[in-house]
Amino acid sequence: MKIDLKYIIVFITTSLFAILTWSLITLMDVKSNVDTIKGELTGVEKNINRIYGYVNSKK
């Protein structure tokens, strides 16, 4: 049984395209998660600063 070189090239090209697509989607998802975490940390920092300011104003 002989496999044509054209089929091998098509298979490799399709596999590489699928891997690249998957990695791009994963990268966008990670970037989205990082942006969300940064926003949450900024909110926490603001709340801590408000509490700190309130405690210092009572002294």
C-alpha atoms as a PDB file:
ATOM      1  CA  MET A   1       0.000   0.000   0.000  1.00  0.00           C
ATOM      2  CA  LYS A   2       1.525   3.272  -1.103  1.00  0.00           C
ATOM      3  CA  ILE A   3       0.479   6.583   0.423  1.00  0.00           C
ATOM      4  CA  ASP A   4       0.581   9.569  -1.874  1.00  0.00           C
ATOM      5  CA  LEU A   5       2.826  12.448  -0.751  1.00  0.00           C
ATOM      6  CA  LYS A   6       0.000  14.902  -1.456  1.00  0.00           C
ATOM      7  CA  TYR A   7      -2.174  13.315   1.255  1.00  0.00           C
ATOM      8  CA  ILE A   8       0.654  13.469   3.783  1.00  0.00           C
ATOM      9  CA  ILE A   9       1.238  17.181   3.084  1.00  0.00           C
ATOM     10  CA  VAL A  10      -2.493  17.915   3.371  1.00  0.00           C
ATOM     11  CA  PHE A  11      -2.677  16.025   6.683  1.00  0.00           C
ATOM     12  CA  ILE A  12       0.344  17.848   8.136  1.00  0.00           C
ATOM     13  CA  THR A  13      -0.960  21.242   6.972  1.00  0.00           C
ATOM     14  CA  THR A  14      -4.401  20.606   8.447  1.00  0.00           C
ATOM     15  CA  SER A  15      -2.895  19.415  11.729  1.00  0.00           C
ATOM     16  CA  LEU A  16      -0.660  22.474  12.018  1.00  0.00           C
ATOM     17  CA  PHE A  17      -3.573  24.796  11.255  1.00  0.00           C
ATOM     18  CA  ALA A  18      -5.680  23.102  13.932  1.00  0.00           C
ATOM     19  CA  ILE A  19      -2.892  23.376  16.523  1.00  0.00           C
ATOM     20  CA  LEU A  20      -2.281  27.046  15.701  1.00  0.00           C
ATOM     21  CA  THR A  21      -5.991  27.828  15.920  1.00  0.00           C
ATOM     22  CA  TRP A  22      -6.285  26.061  19.276  1.00  0.00           C
ATOM     23  CA  SER A  23      -3.245  27.880  20.683  1.00  0.00           C
ATOM     24  CA  LEU A  24      -4.547  31.270  19.499  1.00  0.00           C
ATOM     25  CA  ILE A  25      -7.922  30.670  21.146  1.00  0.00           C
ATOM     26  CA  THR A  26      -6.216  29.537  24.350  1.00  0.00           C
ATOM     27  CA  LEU A  27      -3.962  32.598  24.350  1.00  0.00           C
ATOM     28  CA  MET A  28      -6.949  34.934  23.968  1.00  0.00           C
ATOM     29  CA  ASP A  29      -8.735  33.139  26.815  1.00  0.00           C
ATOM     30  CA  VAL A  30      -5.704  33.488  29.089  1.00  0.00           C
ATOM     31  CA  LYS A  31      -5.370  37.173  28.212  1.00  0.00           C
ATOM     32  CA  SER A  32      -9.038  37.696  29.021  1.00  0.00           C
ATOM     33  CA  ASN A  33      -8.620  35.966  32.376  1.00  0.00           C
ATOM     34  CA  VAL A  34      -5.543  38.059  33.220  1.00  0.00           C
ATOM     35  CA  ASP A  35      -7.409  41.279  32.396  1.00  0.00           C
ATOM     36  CA  THR A  36     -10.305  40.188  34.615  1.00  0.00           C
ATOM     37  CA  ILE A  37      -7.967  39.388  37.500  1.00  0.00           C
ATOM     38  CA  LYS A  38      -6.217  42.753  37.113  1.00  0.00           C
ATOM     39  CA  GLY A  39      -9.573  44.527  37.304  1.00  0.00           C
ATOM     40  CA  GLU A  40     -10.571  42.620  40.429  1.00  0.00           C
ATOM     41  CA  LEU A  41      -7.232  43.369  42.099  1.00  0.00           C
ATOM     42  CA  THR A  42      -7.628  47.061  41.311  1.00  0.00           C
ATOM     43  CA  GLY A  43     -11.045  47.020  42.981  1.00  0.00           C
ATOM     44  CA  VAL A  44      -9.635  45.277  46.055  1.00  0.00           C
ATOM     45  CA  GLU A  45      -6.802  47.802  46.248  1.00  0.00           C
ATOM     46  CA  LYS A  46      -9.274  50.701  46.131  1.00  0.00           C
ATOM     47  CA  ASN A  47     -11.323  49.152  48.943  1.00  0.00           C
ATOM     48  CA  ILE A  48      -8.224  48.621  51.086  1.00  0.00           C
ATOM     49  CA  ASN A  49      -7.196  52.245  50.512  1.00  0.00           C
ATOM     50  CA  ARG A  50     -10.664  53.431  51.568  1.00  0.00           C
ATOM     51  CA  ILE A  51     -10.508  51.376  54.773  1.00  0.00           C
ATOM     52  CA  TYR A  52      -6.970  52.575  55.489  1.00  0.00           C
ATOM     53  CA  GLY A  53      -8.028  56.191  54.939  1.00  0.00           C
ATOM     54  CA  TYR A  54     -11.038  55.779  57.187  1.00  0.00           C
ATOM     55  CA  VAL A  55      -8.953  54.233  59.981  1.00  0.00           C
ATOM     56  CA  ASN A  56      -6.322  56.986  59.722  1.00  0.00           C
ATOM     57  CA  SER A  57      -8.932  59.736  59.754  1.00  0.00           C
ATOM     58  CA  LYS A  58     -10.302  58.483  63.078  1.00  0.00           C
ATOM     59  CA  LYS A  59      -6.933  58.882  64.869  1.00  0.00           C
END
